[in-house]
Amino acid sequence: LNEEFTVTVIVTGSDGGPLENAAVEFQAEMPGHGHGMLRQPRTVEEGGGRYRVDGVLLHMEGDWVVHLDVIAGGVADRASFEVQVE
């Protein structure tokens, strides 16, 4: 809570293999409060389908929805996860 942390994301393609050279964006929002994060995280590709997201900060307790947007080869996809911060 209210401390920056890092997230490692492993992205795979439709064939199940690692997806490299993609644009990966991490976003989070609190639907019940109508706002998102106070900072914009930075994503660094580490190779082998691994992407490190630095500077993630979930500043409030409650229900968050995390969105991972992946764009590769002109195709965009989004994965969303619910997270409870206590």
PDB file of N, CA and C in Angstrom:
ATOM      1  N   LEU A   1       0.844  -1.182   0.000  1.00  0.00           N
ATOM      2  CA  LEU A   1       0.000   0.000   0.000  1.00  0.00           C
ATOM      3  C   LEU A   1       0.884   1.238   0.000  1.00  0.00           C
ATOM      4  N   ASN A   2       0.663   2.059  -0.992  1.00  0.00           N
ATOM      5  CA  ASN A   2       1.327   3.344  -1.128  1.00  0.00           C
ATOM      6  C   ASN A   2       2.857   3.240  -1.152  1.00  0.00           C
ATOM      7  N   GLU A   3       3.379   2.139  -1.683  1.00  0.00           N
ATOM      8  CA  GLU A   3       4.814   1.988  -1.910  1.00  0.00           C
ATOM      9  C   GLU A   3       5.023   1.489  -3.335  1.00  0.00           C
ATOM     10  N   GLU A   4       5.965   2.105  -4.040  1.00  0.00           N
ATOM     11  CA  GLU A   4       6.257   1.661  -5.400  1.00  0.00           C
ATOM     12  C   GLU A   4       6.754   0.228  -5.397  1.00  0.00           C
ATOM     13  N   PHE A   5       6.369  -0.506  -6.439  1.00  0.00           N
ATOM     14  CA  PHE A   5       6.873  -1.866  -6.608  1.00  0.00           C
ATOM     15  C   PHE A   5       7.022  -2.167  -8.084  1.00  0.00           C
ATOM     16  N   THR A   6       7.627  -3.315  -8.366  1.00  0.00           N
ATOM     17  CA  THR A   6       7.889  -3.747  -9.732  1.00  0.00           C
ATOM     18  C   THR A   6       7.089  -5.006 -10.019  1.00  0.00           C
ATOM     19  N   VAL A   7       6.576  -5.101 -11.229  1.00  0.00           N
ATOM     20  CA  VAL A   7       5.824  -6.268 -11.679  1.00  0.00           C
ATOM     21  C   VAL A   7       6.564  -6.863 -12.876  1.00  0.00           C
ATOM     22  N   THR A   8       6.713  -8.174 -12.893  1.00  0.00           N
ATOM     23  CA  THR A   8       7.267  -8.848 -14.059  1.00  0.00           C
ATOM     24  C   THR A   8       6.125  -9.541 -14.788  1.00  0.00           C
ATOM     25  N   VAL A   9       6.018  -9.258 -16.080  1.00  0.00           N
ATOM     26  CA  VAL A   9       4.950  -9.805 -16.913  1.00  0.00           C
ATOM     27  C   VAL A   9       5.582 -10.726 -17.943  1.00  0.00           C
ATOM     28  N   ILE A  10       5.015 -11.913 -18.103  1.00  0.00           N
ATOM     29  CA  ILE A  10       5.459 -12.832 -19.150  1.00  0.00           C
ATOM     30  C   ILE A  10       4.364 -12.882 -20.201  1.00  0.00           C
ATOM     31  N   VAL A  11       4.719 -12.491 -21.423  1.00  0.00           N
ATOM     32  CA  VAL A  11       3.744 -12.397 -22.511  1.00  0.00           C
ATOM     33  C   VAL A  11       4.019 -13.498 -23.522  1.00  0.00           C
ATOM     34  N   THR A  12       2.970 -14.239 -23.858  1.00  0.00           N
ATOM     35  CA  THR A  12       3.097 -15.299 -24.865  1.00  0.00           C
ATOM     36  C   THR A  12       2.181 -14.995 -26.039  1.00  0.00           C
ATOM     37  N   GLY A  13       2.574 -15.499 -27.187  1.00  0.00           N
ATOM     38  CA  GLY A  13       1.776 -15.339 -28.392  1.00  0.00           C
ATOM     39  C   GLY A  13       0.717 -16.420 -28.499  1.00  0.00           C
ATOM     40  N   SER A  14      -0.015 -16.405 -29.579  1.00  0.00           N
ATOM     41  CA  SER A  14      -1.085 -17.385 -29.775  1.00  0.00           C
ATOM     42  C   SER A  14      -0.549 -18.806 -29.879  1.00  0.00           C
ATOM     43  N   ASP A  15       0.740 -18.949 -30.220  1.00  0.00           N
ATOM     44  CA  ASP A  15       1.350 -20.282 -30.305  1.00  0.00           C
ATOM     45  C   ASP A  15       1.903 -20.751 -28.960  1.00  0.00           C
ATOM     46  N   GLY A  16       1.762 -19.912 -27.930  1.00  0.00           N
ATOM     47  CA  GLY A  16       2.257 -20.269 -26.603  1.00  0.00           C
ATOM     48  C   GLY A  16       3.708 -19.904 -26.363  1.00  0.00           C
ATOM     49  N   GLY A  17       4.399 -19.469 -27.402  1.00  0.00           N
ATOM     50  CA  GLY A  17       5.805 -19.077 -27.269  1.00  0.00           C
ATOM     51  C   GLY A  17       5.936 -17.638 -26.793  1.00  0.00           C
ATOM     52  N   PRO A  18       7.135 -17.252 -26.346  1.00  0.00           N
ATOM     53  CA  PRO A  18       7.344 -15.896 -25.846  1.00  0.00           C
ATOM     54  C   PRO A  18       7.106 -14.855 -26.935  1.00  0.00           C
ATOM     55  N   LEU A  19       6.463 -13.784 -26.554  1.00  0.00           N
ATOM     56  CA  LEU A  19       6.180 -12.689 -27.481  1.00  0.00           C
ATOM     57  C   LEU A  19       7.168 -11.568 -27.206  1.00  0.00           C
ATOM     58  N   GLU A  20       8.007 -11.290 -28.179  1.00  0.00           N
ATOM     59  CA  GLU A  20       9.034 -10.264 -28.031  1.00  0.00           C
ATOM     60  C   GLU A  20       8.711  -9.065 -28.893  1.00  0.00           C
ATOM     61  N   ASN A  21       9.381  -7.962 -28.595  1.00  0.00           N
ATOM     62  CA  ASN A  21       9.231  -6.706 -29.350  1.00  0.00           C
ATOM     63  C   ASN A  21       7.802  -6.190 -29.336  1.00  0.00           C
ATOM     64  N   ALA A  22       7.134  -6.354 -28.219  1.00  0.00           N
ATOM     65  CA  ALA A  22       5.767  -5.853 -28.076  1.00  0.00           C
ATOM     66  C   ALA A  22       5.775  -4.575 -27.248  1.00  0.00           C
ATOM     67  N   ALA A  23       4.745  -3.788 -27.406  1.00  0.00           N
ATOM     68  CA  ALA A  23       4.517  -2.643 -26.522  1.00  0.00           C
ATOM     69  C   ALA A  23       3.598  -3.138 -25.410  1.00  0.00           C
ATOM     70  N   VAL A  24       4.063  -3.047 -24.176  1.00  0.00           N
ATOM     71  CA  VAL A  24       3.296  -3.525 -23.024  1.00  0.00           C
ATOM     72  C   VAL A  24       3.053  -2.344 -22.091  1.00  0.00           C
ATOM     73  N   GLU A  25       1.786  -2.081 -21.803  1.00  0.00           N
ATOM     74  CA  GLU A  25       1.433  -0.987 -20.903  1.00  0.00           C
ATOM     75  C   GLU A  25       0.665  -1.527 -19.714  1.00  0.00           C
ATOM     76  N   PHE A  26       1.005  -1.045 -18.531  1.00  0.00           N
ATOM     77  CA  PHE A  26       0.359  -1.422 -17.273  1.00  0.00           C
ATOM     78  C   PHE A  26      -0.458  -0.230 -16.799  1.00  0.00           C
ATOM     79  N   GLN A  27      -1.736  -0.471 -16.531  1.00  0.00           N
ATOM     80  CA  GLN A  27      -2.617   0.551 -15.993  1.00  0.00           C
ATOM     81  C   GLN A  27      -3.423  -0.072 -14.862  1.00  0.00           C
ATOM     82  N   ALA A  28      -3.851   0.752 -13.929  1.00  0.00           N
ATOM     83  CA  ALA A  28      -4.714   0.260 -12.856  1.00  0.00           C
ATOM     84  C   ALA A  28      -5.717   1.358 -12.511  1.00  0.00           C
ATOM     85  N   GLU A  29      -6.918   0.926 -12.153  1.00  0.00           N
ATOM     86  CA  GLU A  29      -7.964   1.880 -11.798  1.00  0.00           C
ATOM     87  C   GLU A  29      -8.780   1.356 -10.625  1.00  0.00           C
ATOM     88  N   MET A  30      -9.410   2.279  -9.937  1.00  0.00           N
ATOM     89  CA  MET A  30     -10.349   1.944  -8.865  1.00  0.00           C
ATOM     90  C   MET A  30     -11.744   2.324  -9.358  1.00  0.00           C
ATOM     91  N   PRO A  31     -12.478   1.381  -9.939  1.00  0.00           N
ATOM     92  CA  PRO A  31     -13.793   1.706 -10.503  1.00  0.00           C
ATOM     93  C   PRO A  31     -14.744   2.338  -9.486  1.00  0.00           C
ATOM     94  N   GLY A  32     -14.669   1.905  -8.225  1.00  0.00           N
ATOM     95  CA  GLY A  32     -15.554   2.445  -7.201  1.00  0.00           C
ATOM     96  C   GLY A  32     -15.265   3.886  -6.840  1.00  0.00           C
ATOM     97  N   HIS A  33     -14.057   4.359  -7.182  1.00  0.00           N
ATOM     98  CA  HIS A  33     -13.666   5.730  -6.860  1.00  0.00           C
ATOM     99  C   HIS A  33     -13.549   6.600  -8.107  1.00  0.00           C
ATOM    100  N   GLY A  34     -13.551   5.988  -9.279  1.00  0.00           N
ATOM    101  CA  GLY A  34     -13.487   6.752 -10.525  1.00  0.00           C
ATOM    102  C   GLY A  34     -12.119   7.338 -10.834  1.00  0.00           C
ATOM    103  N   HIS A  35     -11.044   6.697 -10.346  1.00  0.00           N
ATOM    104  CA  HIS A  35      -9.704   7.199 -10.655  1.00  0.00           C
ATOM    105  C   HIS A  35      -8.739   6.050 -10.836  1.00  0.00           C
ATOM    106  N   GLY A  36      -7.570   6.406 -11.362  1.00  0.00           N
ATOM    107  CA  GLY A  36      -6.515   5.425 -11.567  1.00  0.00           C
ATOM    108  C   GLY A  36      -5.325   5.711 -10.683  1.00  0.00           C
ATOM    109  N   MET A  37      -4.167   5.285 -11.159  1.00  0.00           N
ATOM    110  CA  MET A  37      -2.923   5.479 -10.408  1.00  0.00           C
ATOM    111  C   MET A  37      -2.469   6.935 -10.511  1.00  0.00           C
ATOM    112  N   LEU A  38      -1.665   7.350  -9.555  1.00  0.00           N
ATOM    113  CA  LEU A  38      -1.135   8.707  -9.543  1.00  0.00           C
ATOM    114  C   LEU A  38       0.131   8.831 -10.387  1.00  0.00           C
ATOM    115  N   ARG A  39       0.731   7.714 -10.753  1.00  0.00           N
ATOM    116  CA  ARG A  39       1.976   7.707 -11.533  1.00  0.00           C
ATOM    117  C   ARG A  39       1.833   6.799 -12.738  1.00  0.00           C
ATOM    118  N   GLN A  40       2.633   7.067 -13.761  1.00  0.00           N
ATOM    119  CA  GLN A  40       2.650   6.226 -14.953  1.00  0.00           C
ATOM    120  C   GLN A  40       3.853   5.294 -14.886  1.00  0.00           C
ATOM    121  N   PRO A  41       3.632   3.981 -14.755  1.00  0.00           N
ATOM    122  CA  PRO A  41       4.760   3.037 -14.695  1.00  0.00           C
ATOM    123  C   PRO A  41       5.524   3.003 -16.015  1.00  0.00           C
ATOM    124  N   ARG A  42       6.758   2.497 -15.942  1.00  0.00           N
ATOM    125  CA  ARG A  42       7.624   2.359 -17.105  1.00  0.00           C
ATOM    126  C   ARG A  42       7.864   0.871 -17.372  1.00  0.00           C
ATOM    127  N   THR A  43       7.756   0.473 -18.628  1.00  0.00           N
ATOM    128  CA  THR A  43       7.943  -0.932 -18.995  1.00  0.00           C
ATOM    129  C   THR A  43       9.251  -1.106 -19.746  1.00  0.00           C
ATOM    130  N   VAL A  44      10.020  -2.126 -19.354  1.00  0.00           N
ATOM    131  CA  VAL A  44      11.294  -2.451 -19.987  1.00  0.00           C
ATOM    132  C   VAL A  44      11.237  -3.903 -20.442  1.00  0.00           C
ATOM    133  N   GLU A  45      11.537  -4.140 -21.715  1.00  0.00           N
ATOM    134  CA  GLU A  45      11.585  -5.514 -22.217  1.00  0.00           C
ATOM    135  C   GLU A  45      12.883  -6.165 -21.769  1.00  0.00           C
ATOM    136  N   GLU A  46      12.785  -7.355 -21.184  1.00  0.00           N
ATOM    137  CA  GLU A  46      13.961  -8.063 -20.696  1.00  0.00           C
ATOM    138  C   GLU A  46      14.364  -9.230 -21.589  1.00  0.00           C
ATOM    139  N   GLY A  47      13.544  -9.564 -22.585  1.00  0.00           N
ATOM    140  CA  GLY A  47      13.846 -10.676 -23.487  1.00  0.00           C
ATOM    141  C   GLY A  47      13.095 -11.933 -23.101  1.00  0.00           C
ATOM    142  N   GLY A  48      12.916 -12.801 -24.053  1.00  0.00           N
ATOM    143  CA  GLY A  48      12.237 -14.068 -23.801  1.00  0.00           C
ATOM    144  C   GLY A  48      10.779 -13.908 -23.409  1.00  0.00           C
ATOM    145  N   GLY A  49      10.148 -12.807 -23.835  1.00  0.00           N
ATOM    146  CA  GLY A  49       8.744 -12.562 -23.503  1.00  0.00           C
ATOM    147  C   GLY A  49       8.532 -11.955 -22.124  1.00  0.00           C
ATOM    148  N   ARG A  50       9.632 -11.599 -21.436  1.00  0.00           N
ATOM    149  CA  ARG A  50       9.540 -10.996 -20.090  1.00  0.00           C
ATOM    150  C   ARG A  50       9.609  -9.475 -20.203  1.00  0.00           C
ATOM    151  N   TYR A  51       8.699  -8.829 -19.491  1.00  0.00           N
ATOM    152  CA  TYR A  51       8.643  -7.369 -19.445  1.00  0.00           C
ATOM    153  C   TYR A  51       8.583  -6.940 -17.983  1.00  0.00           C
ATOM    154  N   ARG A  52       9.465  -6.017 -17.601  1.00  0.00           N
ATOM    155  CA  ARG A  52       9.508  -5.519 -16.230  1.00  0.00           C
ATOM    156  C   ARG A  52       8.803  -4.165 -16.186  1.00  0.00           C
ATOM    157  N   VAL A  53       7.839  -4.045 -15.277  1.00  0.00           N
ATOM    158  CA  VAL A  53       7.088  -2.793 -15.120  1.00  0.00           C
ATOM    159  C   VAL A  53       7.545  -2.159 -13.810  1.00  0.00           C
ATOM    160  N   ASP A  54       8.245  -1.037 -13.916  1.00  0.00           N
ATOM    161  CA  ASP A  54       8.766  -0.324 -12.751  1.00  0.00           C
ATOM    162  C   ASP A  54       7.862   0.853 -12.403  1.00  0.00           C
ATOM    163  N   GLY A  55       7.832   1.192 -11.122  1.00  0.00           N
ATOM    164  CA  GLY A  55       7.114   2.388 -10.689  1.00  0.00           C
ATOM    165  C   GLY A  55       5.621   2.198 -10.514  1.00  0.00           C
ATOM    166  N   VAL A  56       5.182   0.972 -10.243  1.00  0.00           N
ATOM    167  CA  VAL A  56       3.754   0.738  -9.991  1.00  0.00           C
ATOM    168  C   VAL A  56       3.452   1.218  -8.569  1.00  0.00           C
ATOM    169  N   LEU A  57       2.376   1.976  -8.421  1.00  0.00           N
ATOM    170  CA  LEU A  57       1.994   2.493  -7.111  1.00  0.00           C
ATOM    171  C   LEU A  57       0.472   2.447  -6.979  1.00  0.00           C
ATOM    172  N   LEU A  58      -0.009   1.564  -6.113  1.00  0.00           N
ATOM    173  CA  LEU A  58      -1.436   1.505  -5.787  1.00  0.00           C
ATOM    174  C   LEU A  58      -1.573   2.214  -4.443  1.00  0.00           C
ATOM    175  N   HIS A  59      -2.023   3.448  -4.492  1.00  0.00           N
ATOM    176  CA  HIS A  59      -1.912   4.352  -3.352  1.00  0.00           C
ATOM    177  C   HIS A  59      -3.042   4.271  -2.330  1.00  0.00           C
ATOM    178  N   MET A  60      -4.076   3.490  -2.597  1.00  0.00           N
ATOM    179  CA  MET A  60      -5.210   3.407  -1.680  1.00  0.00           C
ATOM    180  C   MET A  60      -5.619   1.965  -1.438  1.00  0.00           C
ATOM    181  N   GLU A  61      -6.178   1.700  -0.269  1.00  0.00           N
ATOM    182  CA  GLU A  61      -6.797   0.409  -0.002  1.00  0.00           C
ATOM    183  C   GLU A  61      -8.078   0.302  -0.824  1.00  0.00           C
ATOM    184  N   GLY A  62      -8.420  -0.924  -1.178  1.00  0.00           N
ATOM    185  CA  GLY A  62      -9.681  -1.144  -1.867  1.00  0.00           C
ATOM    186  C   GLY A  62      -9.530  -2.016  -3.094  1.00  0.00           C
ATOM    187  N   ASP A  63     -10.572  -2.003  -3.914  1.00  0.00           N
ATOM    188  CA  ASP A  63     -10.637  -2.833  -5.114  1.00  0.00           C
ATOM    189  C   ASP A  63     -10.040  -2.094  -6.305  1.00  0.00           C
ATOM    190  N   TRP A  64      -9.033  -2.704  -6.903  1.00  0.00           N
ATOM    191  CA  TRP A  64      -8.377  -2.183  -8.096  1.00  0.00           C
ATOM    192  C   TRP A  64      -8.623  -3.149  -9.246  1.00  0.00           C
ATOM    193  N   VAL A  65      -8.595  -2.634 -10.463  1.00  0.00           N
ATOM    194  CA  VAL A  65      -8.586  -3.453 -11.671  1.00  0.00           C
ATOM    195  C   VAL A  65      -7.316  -3.090 -12.426  1.00  0.00           C
ATOM    196  N   VAL A  66      -6.478  -4.095 -12.652  1.00  0.00           N
ATOM    197  CA  VAL A  66      -5.218  -3.920 -13.377  1.00  0.00           C
ATOM    198  C   VAL A  66      -5.450  -4.309 -14.830  1.00  0.00           C
ATOM    199  N   HIS A  67      -4.958  -3.482 -15.745  1.00  0.00           N
ATOM    200  CA  HIS A  67      -5.059  -3.753 -17.178  1.00  0.00           C
ATOM    201  C   HIS A  67      -3.651  -3.866 -17.756  1.00  0.00           C
ATOM    202  N   LEU A  68      -3.414  -4.911 -18.520  1.00  0.00           N
ATOM    203  CA  LEU A  68      -2.177  -5.070 -19.276  1.00  0.00           C
ATOM    204  C   LEU A  68      -2.540  -5.013 -20.752  1.00  0.00           C
ATOM    205  N   ASP A  69      -2.075  -3.983 -21.418  1.00  0.00           N
ATOM    206  CA  ASP A  69      -2.313  -3.829 -22.848  1.00  0.00           C
ATOM    207  C   ASP A  69      -1.057  -4.244 -23.592  1.00  0.00           C
ATOM    208  N   VAL A  70      -1.233  -5.122 -24.581  1.00  0.00           N
ATOM    209  CA  VAL A  70      -0.114  -5.626 -25.370  1.00  0.00           C
ATOM    210  C   VAL A  70      -0.414  -5.344 -26.838  1.00  0.00           C
ATOM    211  N   ILE A  71       0.553  -4.690 -27.500  1.00  0.00           N
ATOM    212  CA  ILE A  71       0.416  -4.412 -28.935  1.00  0.00           C
ATOM    213  C   ILE A  71       1.632  -5.002 -29.629  1.00  0.00           C
ATOM    214  N   ALA A  72       1.375  -5.882 -30.583  1.00  0.00           N
ATOM    215  CA  ALA A  72       2.459  -6.517 -31.347  1.00  0.00           C
ATOM    216  C   ALA A  72       1.960  -6.837 -32.745  1.00  0.00           C
ATOM    217  N   GLY A  73       2.758  -6.512 -33.727  1.00  0.00           N
ATOM    218  CA  GLY A  73       2.395  -6.821 -35.111  1.00  0.00           C
ATOM    219  C   GLY A  73       1.084  -6.192 -35.535  1.00  0.00           C
ATOM    220  N   GLY A  74       0.776  -5.016 -35.008  1.00  0.00           N
ATOM    221  CA  GLY A  74      -0.459  -4.328 -35.359  1.00  0.00           C
ATOM    222  C   GLY A  74      -1.701  -4.878 -34.684  1.00  0.00           C
ATOM    223  N   VAL A  75      -1.539  -5.807 -33.768  1.00  0.00           N
ATOM    224  CA  VAL A  75      -2.674  -6.406 -33.055  1.00  0.00           C
ATOM    225  C   VAL A  75      -2.595  -6.003 -31.584  1.00  0.00           C
ATOM    226  N   ALA A  76      -3.724  -5.540 -31.042  1.00  0.00           N
ATOM    227  CA  ALA A  76      -3.786  -5.142 -29.639  1.00  0.00           C
ATOM    228  C   ALA A  76      -4.639  -6.131 -28.853  1.00  0.00           C
ATOM    229  N   ASP A  77      -4.230  -6.395 -27.623  1.00  0.00           N
ATOM    230  CA  ASP A  77      -4.982  -7.279 -26.747  1.00  0.00           C
ATOM    231  C   ASP A  77      -4.886  -6.725 -25.335  1.00  0.00           C
ATOM    232  N   ARG A  78      -5.885  -7.023 -24.518  1.00  0.00           N
ATOM    233  CA  ARG A  78      -5.913  -6.546 -23.140  1.00  0.00           C
ATOM    234  C   ARG A  78      -6.282  -7.690 -22.200  1.00  0.00           C
ATOM    235  N   ALA A  79      -5.539  -7.779 -21.108  1.00  0.00           N
ATOM    236  CA  ALA A  79      -5.869  -8.707 -20.023  1.00  0.00           C
ATOM    237  C   ALA A  79      -6.158  -7.849 -18.788  1.00  0.00           C
ATOM    238  N   SER A  80      -7.200  -8.189 -18.047  1.00  0.00           N
ATOM    239  CA  SER A  80      -7.562  -7.433 -16.864  1.00  0.00           C
ATOM    240  C   SER A  80      -7.673  -8.374 -15.657  1.00  0.00           C
ATOM    241  N   PHE A  81      -7.260  -7.861 -14.509  1.00  0.00           N
ATOM    242  CA  PHE A  81      -7.259  -8.647 -13.273  1.00  0.00           C
ATOM    243  C   PHE A  81      -7.783  -7.791 -12.133  1.00  0.00           C
ATOM    244  N   GLU A  82      -8.573  -8.383 -11.271  1.00  0.00           N
ATOM    245  CA  GLU A  82      -9.041  -7.679 -10.074  1.00  0.00           C
ATOM    246  C   GLU A  82      -8.042  -7.911  -8.954  1.00  0.00           C
ATOM    247  N   VAL A  83      -7.723  -6.838  -8.213  1.00  0.00           N
ATOM    248  CA  VAL A  83      -6.758  -6.894  -7.122  1.00  0.00           C
ATOM    249  C   VAL A  83      -7.364  -6.190  -5.912  1.00  0.00           C
ATOM    250  N   GLN A  84      -7.265  -6.822  -4.758  1.00  0.00           N
ATOM    251  CA  GLN A  84      -7.729  -6.221  -3.506  1.00  0.00           C
ATOM    252  C   GLN A  84      -6.498  -5.757  -2.732  1.00  0.00           C
ATOM    253  N   VAL A  85      -6.402  -4.470  -2.447  1.00  0.00           N
ATOM    254  CA  VAL A  85      -5.286  -3.918  -1.682  1.00  0.00           C
ATOM    255  C   VAL A  85      -5.767  -3.655  -0.266  1.00  0.00           C
ATOM    256  N   GLU A  86      -5.055  -4.227   0.710  1.00  0.00           N
ATOM    257  CA  GLU A  86      -5.418  -4.039   2.134  1.00  0.00           C
ATOM    258  C   GLU A  86      -4.299  -3.366   2.878  1.00  0.00           C
TER     259      GLU A  86
END
